[in-house]
């Protein structure tokens, strides 16, 4: 019965549904829930750890229930998104109500599209990887699949990783450098993969080309349905979703660096190269993404067996509160800089 807690991950879609079906202040239901209600709940509820035996881990890994929870996000995300765009283009909303629904849809895509795509993108099944890319489509971030799996996990906590934020780098500067450099890096990775397979740029194996075509077709679809306003809303909601993602990237690796060995290579990724958060609500709403240290230590582990690594640097707050703090750089630096392990190398901005 305790595993039913992961049904709470659908609370963001429910809050977004309330946003798109409502008027007035309730159109802000998802941001209010994500950045006010959840932080308050995390202050009130105690965190807890659960250790799993090898037998228990194997049982949980093979339990289809945990996979179904991920798959069901696809109809929820696309259903709510389509209805949300219909409401946005109806012309009946006040300006502030439009902003509320846009923010709600952006949060929905960040949590239940990109985050679920991240989990499925680490799977070995081709069908699950395809579902990962499908969820990245409305976020206009399909290149994330390539860069994250073949770039970020290899280069995390090094100067070569655009998704690792540096000490004293503001989140606003990080948004620009991470977004643009990850996209460029995805093309570099694609070129390397094509060369390795003796394929040319126009090969069917050029995934980046397909991502560009699919995302262009997606935007054209909204132009056909709703005109230029449909295009505007699709772009702004997608952009909001990956800005939320990059803010999470920012807090997950801020100021942490891997040592460079005499050989010129970097030390193996360890549990102290990512910030960990064991705050209960953020954990289950984000399918254990907040146990990020264990995820980077063993990227193939499914979310239901990720563990809290106590030797990892710990965020003082859950993800929603940390996101809000990062938006005020002096306050973020004041709280976080002193928590960076003193015996580790520092990559300063």
Protein backbone atom coordinates (compact mmCIF):
# COMPACT_ATOMS: atom_id res chain seq x y z
CA UNK A 1 0.00 0.00 0.00
CA UNK A 2 2.89 2.39 0.69
CA UNK A 3 3.74 2.37 -3.02
CA UNK A 4 0.43 4.06 -3.74
CA UNK A 5 2.11 7.26 -2.58
CA UNK A 6 3.41 7.67 -6.13
CA UNK A 7 -0.15 8.38 -7.24
CA UNK A 8 0.58 11.75 -5.66
CA UNK A 9 2.66 12.48 -8.76
CA UNK A 10 -0.64 13.10 -10.54
CA UNK A 11 -1.40 15.99 -8.18
CA UNK A 12 0.33 18.44 -10.56
CA UNK A 13 -1.89 17.37 -13.50
CA UNK A 14 -4.93 17.68 -11.23
CA UNK A 15 -3.86 21.16 -10.14
CA UNK A 16 -3.35 22.08 -13.81
CA UNK A 17 -6.81 20.74 -14.65
CA UNK A 18 -8.23 23.00 -11.97
CA UNK A 19 -6.34 25.90 -13.55
CA UNK A 20 -7.71 25.40 -17.06
CA UNK A 21 -11.27 24.73 -15.88
CA UNK A 22 -11.34 27.76 -13.59
CA UNK A 23 -11.39 31.52 -13.72
CA UNK A 24 -9.89 34.22 -11.52
CA UNK A 25 -7.15 33.39 -9.09
CA UNK A 26 -7.77 29.64 -9.48
CA UNK A 27 -6.13 29.79 -12.91
CA UNK A 28 -2.90 29.95 -10.87
CA UNK A 29 -3.73 26.66 -9.10
CA UNK A 30 -0.65 24.77 -10.34
CA UNK A 31 1.96 27.43 -9.41
CA UNK A 32 0.22 27.99 -6.05
CA UNK A 33 0.24 24.27 -5.38
CA UNK A 34 3.83 23.72 -6.59
CA UNK A 35 5.47 26.70 -4.91
CA UNK A 36 3.32 27.38 -1.85
CA UNK A 37 1.40 24.25 -0.84
CA UNK A 38 4.19 21.72 -1.45
CA UNK A 39 6.89 23.74 0.40
CA UNK A 40 4.51 24.11 3.36
CA UNK A 41 3.76 20.39 3.36
CA UNK A 42 7.48 19.62 3.31
CA UNK A 43 7.95 21.77 6.39
CA UNK A 44 5.23 19.83 8.22
CA UNK A 45 5.96 16.26 7.09
CA UNK A 46 8.95 14.23 8.24
CA UNK A 47 11.31 12.72 5.70
CA UNK A 48 12.05 9.02 5.92
CA UNK A 49 14.42 6.48 4.40
CA UNK A 50 13.69 3.00 3.19
CA UNK A 51 16.45 0.53 2.48
CA UNK A 52 15.79 -2.33 0.09
CA UNK A 53 17.38 -5.78 0.10
CA UNK A 54 18.58 -7.09 -3.25
CA UNK A 55 15.52 -9.35 -3.43
CA UNK A 56 13.21 -6.44 -2.69
CA UNK A 57 14.93 -4.30 -5.31
CA UNK A 58 14.49 -6.99 -7.94
CA UNK A 59 10.82 -7.35 -7.06
CA UNK A 60 10.23 -3.61 -7.31
CA UNK A 61 12.14 -3.31 -10.58
CA UNK A 62 9.94 -6.00 -12.16
CA UNK A 63 6.67 -4.62 -10.79
CA UNK A 64 4.69 -3.24 -13.75
CA UNK A 65 2.77 -0.90 -11.43
CA UNK A 66 5.69 1.53 -11.30
CA UNK A 67 5.99 1.58 -15.09
CA UNK A 68 2.26 2.09 -15.62
CA UNK A 69 2.42 5.16 -13.39
CA UNK A 70 4.88 6.65 -15.88
CA UNK A 71 2.99 5.63 -19.03
CA UNK A 72 -0.30 7.12 -17.84
CA UNK A 73 1.29 10.55 -17.84
CA UNK A 74 1.15 10.57 -21.64
CA UNK A 75 -2.67 10.81 -22.03
CA UNK A 76 -2.88 13.14 -19.02
CA UNK A 77 -0.21 15.52 -20.32
CA UNK A 78 -1.42 15.71 -23.91
CA UNK A 79 -5.11 15.78 -22.94
CA UNK A 80 -4.67 18.65 -20.48
CA UNK A 81 -2.29 20.48 -22.82
CA UNK A 82 -4.74 20.36 -25.74
CA UNK A 83 -7.65 21.56 -23.63
CA UNK A 84 -5.45 24.23 -22.08
CA UNK A 85 -4.54 25.58 -25.53
CA UNK A 86 -8.22 25.54 -26.49
CA UNK A 87 -9.05 27.68 -23.45
CA UNK A 88 -6.10 30.02 -24.07
CA UNK A 89 -7.23 30.58 -27.64
CA UNK A 90 -10.92 31.01 -26.77
CA UNK A 91 -10.59 34.74 -26.22
CA UNK A 92 -12.63 34.71 -23.00
CA UNK A 93 -9.77 35.04 -20.52
CA UNK A 94 -8.57 38.14 -18.75
CA UNK A 95 -4.85 38.87 -19.13
CA UNK A 96 -3.93 37.63 -15.65
CA UNK A 97 -5.98 34.44 -16.17
CA UNK A 98 -4.03 33.78 -19.36
CA UNK A 99 -0.79 34.12 -17.40
CA UNK A 100 -2.07 31.72 -14.73
CA UNK A 101 -2.94 29.01 -17.24
CA UNK A 102 0.32 29.45 -19.16
CA UNK A 103 2.32 29.04 -15.93
CA UNK A 104 0.24 26.00 -14.99
CA UNK A 105 0.80 24.31 -18.34
CA UNK A 106 4.53 25.08 -18.15
CA UNK A 107 4.74 23.44 -14.73
CA UNK A 108 2.76 20.45 -16.00
CA UNK A 109 5.22 19.90 -18.86
CA UNK A 110 8.24 20.37 -16.60
CA UNK A 111 7.10 17.83 -14.01
CA UNK A 112 5.00 15.25 -15.84
CA UNK A 113 6.49 15.52 -19.33
CA UNK A 114 10.22 16.34 -19.12
CA UNK A 115 10.73 14.63 -15.78
CA UNK A 116 8.94 11.45 -16.85
CA UNK A 117 10.77 11.60 -20.20
CA UNK A 118 14.02 11.76 -18.23
CA UNK A 119 13.14 8.55 -16.38
CA UNK A 120 12.00 6.71 -19.52
CA UNK A 121 14.99 7.94 -21.49
CA UNK A 122 17.31 5.92 -19.25
CA UNK A 123 15.48 2.68 -20.00
CA UNK A 124 16.87 0.01 -22.35
CA UNK A 125 13.52 -0.63 -24.06
CA UNK A 126 13.18 1.11 -27.42
CA UNK A 127 9.47 1.62 -26.86
CA UNK A 128 10.09 3.42 -23.57
CA UNK A 129 12.76 5.57 -25.16
CA UNK A 130 10.28 6.49 -27.89
CA UNK A 131 7.74 7.50 -25.23
CA UNK A 132 10.48 9.63 -23.66
CA UNK A 133 10.97 11.53 -26.92
CA UNK A 134 7.20 11.90 -27.36
CA UNK A 135 6.94 13.60 -23.96
CA UNK A 136 9.80 15.95 -24.87
CA UNK A 137 8.02 17.05 -28.06
CA UNK A 138 5.66 19.70 -26.58
CA UNK A 139 8.56 20.94 -24.44
CA UNK A 140 10.50 21.72 -27.65
CA UNK A 141 13.43 19.92 -26.01
CA UNK A 142 13.79 16.62 -27.84
CA UNK A 143 17.57 17.08 -28.07
CA UNK A 144 17.60 16.61 -24.28
CA UNK A 145 17.45 12.84 -24.86
CA UNK A 146 20.78 12.84 -26.70
CA UNK A 147 22.61 15.44 -24.67
CA UNK A 148 21.48 14.16 -21.29
CA UNK A 149 22.28 10.50 -21.88
CA UNK A 150 25.46 10.88 -23.93
CA UNK A 151 26.71 14.21 -22.61
CA UNK A 152 25.50 15.21 -19.16
CA UNK A 153 25.94 11.82 -17.50
CA UNK A 154 29.45 11.54 -18.91
CA UNK A 155 30.59 15.10 -18.15
CA UNK A 156 28.58 16.04 -15.06
CA UNK A 157 30.47 18.15 -12.50
CA UNK A 158 33.19 19.09 -15.00
CA UNK A 159 33.82 22.25 -17.07
CA UNK A 160 32.78 20.22 -20.14
CA UNK A 161 29.18 19.94 -18.92
CA UNK A 162 26.92 22.91 -19.76
CA UNK A 163 24.25 21.49 -17.43
CA UNK A 164 26.48 21.85 -14.35
CA UNK A 165 26.19 25.26 -12.71
CA UNK A 166 29.32 26.90 -11.33
CA UNK A 167 29.93 28.44 -7.94
CA UNK A 168 28.56 32.01 -7.87
CA UNK A 169 26.90 31.64 -11.27
CA UNK A 170 23.39 33.06 -11.18
CA UNK A 171 20.50 30.95 -12.38
CA UNK A 172 19.69 33.59 -14.99
CA UNK A 173 23.12 33.35 -16.58
CA UNK A 174 22.90 29.56 -16.32
CA UNK A 175 19.61 29.50 -18.25
CA UNK A 176 21.33 31.07 -21.26
CA UNK A 177 24.58 29.07 -21.18
CA UNK A 178 22.93 25.73 -20.42
CA UNK A 179 20.12 25.97 -22.98
CA UNK A 180 22.29 27.07 -25.89
CA UNK A 181 25.35 24.96 -25.10
CA UNK A 182 23.34 21.80 -24.50
CA UNK A 183 21.67 22.25 -27.89
CA UNK A 184 25.03 22.74 -29.61
CA UNK A 185 26.47 19.81 -27.70
CA UNK A 186 23.57 17.60 -28.83
CA UNK A 187 24.54 18.30 -32.45
CA UNK A 188 28.18 17.45 -31.65
CA UNK A 189 27.10 14.17 -30.09
CA UNK A 190 24.89 13.42 -33.09
CA UNK A 191 27.74 14.12 -35.50
CA UNK A 192 30.02 11.82 -33.51
CA UNK A 193 27.43 9.03 -33.50
CA UNK A 194 26.88 9.36 -37.25
CA UNK A 195 30.60 9.26 -37.90
CA UNK A 196 30.98 6.21 -35.68
CA UNK A 197 28.28 4.44 -37.68
CA UNK A 198 29.68 5.61 -41.03
CA UNK A 199 26.47 7.57 -41.69
CA UNK A 200 26.08 10.92 -43.42
CA UNK A 201 24.15 13.99 -42.24
CA UNK A 202 21.04 13.05 -44.26
CA UNK A 203 20.95 9.55 -42.81
CA UNK A 204 17.74 8.26 -41.24
CA UNK A 205 19.91 7.77 -38.14
CA UNK A 206 20.25 11.54 -37.73
CA UNK A 207 17.96 11.90 -34.73
CA UNK A 208 18.60 15.63 -34.38
CA UNK A 209 17.23 16.16 -37.87
CA UNK A 210 14.11 14.17 -36.96
CA UNK A 211 13.71 16.13 -33.71
CA UNK A 212 13.81 19.38 -35.71
CA UNK A 213 11.22 18.10 -38.19
CA UNK A 214 8.87 16.74 -35.51
CA UNK A 215 9.00 19.92 -33.41
CA UNK A 216 8.46 22.08 -36.49
CA UNK A 217 5.45 19.95 -37.47
CA UNK A 218 4.13 20.23 -33.90
CA UNK A 219 4.26 24.04 -34.04
CA UNK A 220 2.72 24.12 -37.53
CA UNK A 221 -0.14 21.99 -36.20
CA UNK A 222 -1.02 24.67 -33.65
CA UNK A 223 -0.81 27.34 -36.35
CA UNK A 224 -3.30 25.37 -38.44
CA UNK A 225 -5.65 24.90 -35.49
CA UNK A 226 -5.45 28.30 -33.77
CA UNK A 227 -3.38 30.55 -36.02
CA UNK A 228 -0.45 32.63 -34.82
CA UNK A 229 -1.82 32.83 -31.27
CA UNK A 230 -1.67 29.04 -31.12
CA UNK A 231 1.97 29.21 -32.18
CA UNK A 232 2.68 31.84 -29.52
CA UNK A 233 1.15 29.79 -26.70
CA UNK A 234 2.87 26.57 -27.82
CA UNK A 235 6.27 28.30 -27.87
CA UNK A 236 5.88 30.11 -24.56
CA UNK A 237 4.54 27.05 -22.68
CA UNK A 238 7.30 24.84 -24.13
CA UNK A 239 9.93 27.43 -23.24
CA UNK A 240 8.63 27.74 -19.68
CA UNK A 241 8.86 23.96 -19.28
CA UNK A 242 12.53 23.75 -20.20
CA UNK A 243 13.37 26.86 -18.17
CA UNK A 244 11.90 25.03 -15.15
CA UNK A 245 14.02 22.01 -16.13
CA UNK A 246 17.18 24.09 -16.33
CA UNK A 247 16.44 25.63 -12.94
CA UNK A 248 16.30 22.11 -11.54
CA UNK A 249 19.58 21.32 -13.30
CA UNK A 250 21.00 24.42 -11.65
CA UNK A 251 20.15 23.36 -8.09
CA UNK A 252 21.10 19.71 -8.65
CA UNK A 253 24.79 20.32 -9.37
CA UNK A 254 25.55 23.84 -8.18
CA UNK A 255 29.25 24.34 -7.47
CA UNK A 256 30.15 20.62 -7.35
CA UNK A 257 33.20 19.42 -9.29
CA UNK A 258 34.91 16.12 -10.04
CA UNK A 259 38.68 15.92 -9.57
CA UNK A 260 40.88 15.72 -12.63
CA UNK A 261 43.30 12.82 -12.39
CA UNK A 262 46.98 12.82 -13.45
CA UNK A 263 45.91 10.83 -16.52
CA UNK A 264 43.87 13.80 -17.69
CA UNK A 265 40.59 11.98 -17.10
CA UNK A 266 38.11 12.90 -14.42
CA UNK A 267 37.38 10.74 -11.40
CA UNK A 268 34.40 8.43 -11.65
CA UNK A 269 31.05 10.02 -10.84
CA UNK A 270 30.34 9.54 -7.15
CA UNK A 271 27.39 10.25 -4.89
CA UNK A 272 28.95 13.53 -3.73
CA UNK A 273 28.84 15.03 -7.23
CA UNK A 274 25.12 15.89 -7.08
CA UNK A 275 22.97 17.59 -4.48
CA UNK A 276 20.50 15.27 -2.81
CA UNK A 277 17.07 16.08 -1.40
CA UNK A 278 15.07 13.62 0.66
CA UNK A 279 12.06 15.89 1.21
CA UNK A 280 9.09 13.59 0.93
CA UNK A 281 6.58 15.50 -1.21
CA UNK A 282 9.11 16.58 -3.82
CA UNK A 283 10.38 13.02 -3.99
CA UNK A 284 7.08 11.39 -4.87
CA UNK A 285 5.73 14.22 -7.06
CA UNK A 286 8.92 14.01 -9.17
CA UNK A 287 9.30 10.20 -9.14
CA UNK A 288 12.37 10.33 -6.86
CA UNK A 289 14.27 12.75 -9.10
CA UNK A 290 15.36 14.52 -5.93
CA UNK A 291 17.44 11.49 -4.95
CA UNK A 292 19.70 12.74 -7.67
CA UNK A 293 22.99 11.61 -6.17
CA UNK A 294 22.04 7.94 -6.44
CA UNK A 295 20.68 8.52 -9.95
CA UNK A 296 24.01 9.86 -11.21
CA UNK A 297 25.95 7.21 -9.33
CA UNK A 298 23.96 4.46 -11.07
CA UNK A 299 21.97 5.99 -13.94
CA UNK A 300 20.30 2.71 -14.89
CA UNK A 301 18.44 2.42 -11.55
CA UNK A 302 14.69 2.82 -11.84
CA UNK A 303 13.10 5.51 -9.72
CA UNK A 304 11.40 3.05 -7.35
CA UNK A 305 14.74 1.75 -6.01
CA UNK A 306 16.68 5.01 -5.75
CA UNK A 307 18.01 5.59 -2.24
CA UNK A 308 18.96 8.52 -0.07
CA UNK A 309 22.74 8.69 0.02
CA UNK A 310 23.61 10.36 3.31
CA UNK A 311 27.21 10.95 2.28
CA UNK A 312 25.92 13.21 -0.51
CA UNK A 313 25.67 16.97 -0.05
CA UNK A 314 22.10 17.70 1.05
CA UNK A 315 19.91 20.55 -0.10
CA UNK A 316 18.52 22.38 2.94
CA UNK A 317 15.08 22.53 1.32
CA UNK A 318 13.01 20.59 -1.18
CA UNK A 319 13.10 21.32 -4.90
CA UNK A 320 10.21 23.85 -5.03
CA UNK A 321 11.70 25.98 -2.24
CA UNK A 322 15.20 25.65 -3.71
CA UNK A 323 13.90 26.82 -7.09
CA UNK A 324 12.41 29.92 -5.51
CA UNK A 325 15.63 30.62 -3.58
CA UNK A 326 17.72 30.30 -6.74
CA UNK A 327 15.72 33.15 -8.28
CA UNK A 328 17.30 35.47 -5.69
CA UNK A 329 21.03 34.87 -6.37
CA UNK A 330 22.47 36.69 -3.30
CA UNK A 331 20.22 34.67 -1.00
CA UNK A 332 21.00 31.43 -2.86
CA UNK A 333 24.77 32.06 -2.62
CA UNK A 334 24.48 32.93 1.07
CA UNK A 335 22.69 29.66 1.87
CA UNK A 336 24.45 27.28 -0.52
CA UNK A 337 28.09 28.35 -0.79
CA UNK A 338 28.88 27.38 2.79
CA UNK A 339 27.40 23.92 2.19
CA UNK A 340 29.76 23.00 -0.64
CA UNK A 341 32.26 20.44 0.72
CA UNK A 342 35.50 22.26 1.53
CA UNK A 343 37.74 19.33 0.61
CA UNK A 344 36.44 19.21 -2.97
CA UNK A 345 37.69 21.18 -6.00
CA UNK A 346 35.68 24.28 -6.87
CA UNK A 347 34.58 25.42 -10.32
CA UNK A 348 33.87 29.11 -9.84
CA UNK A 349 32.05 31.41 -12.22
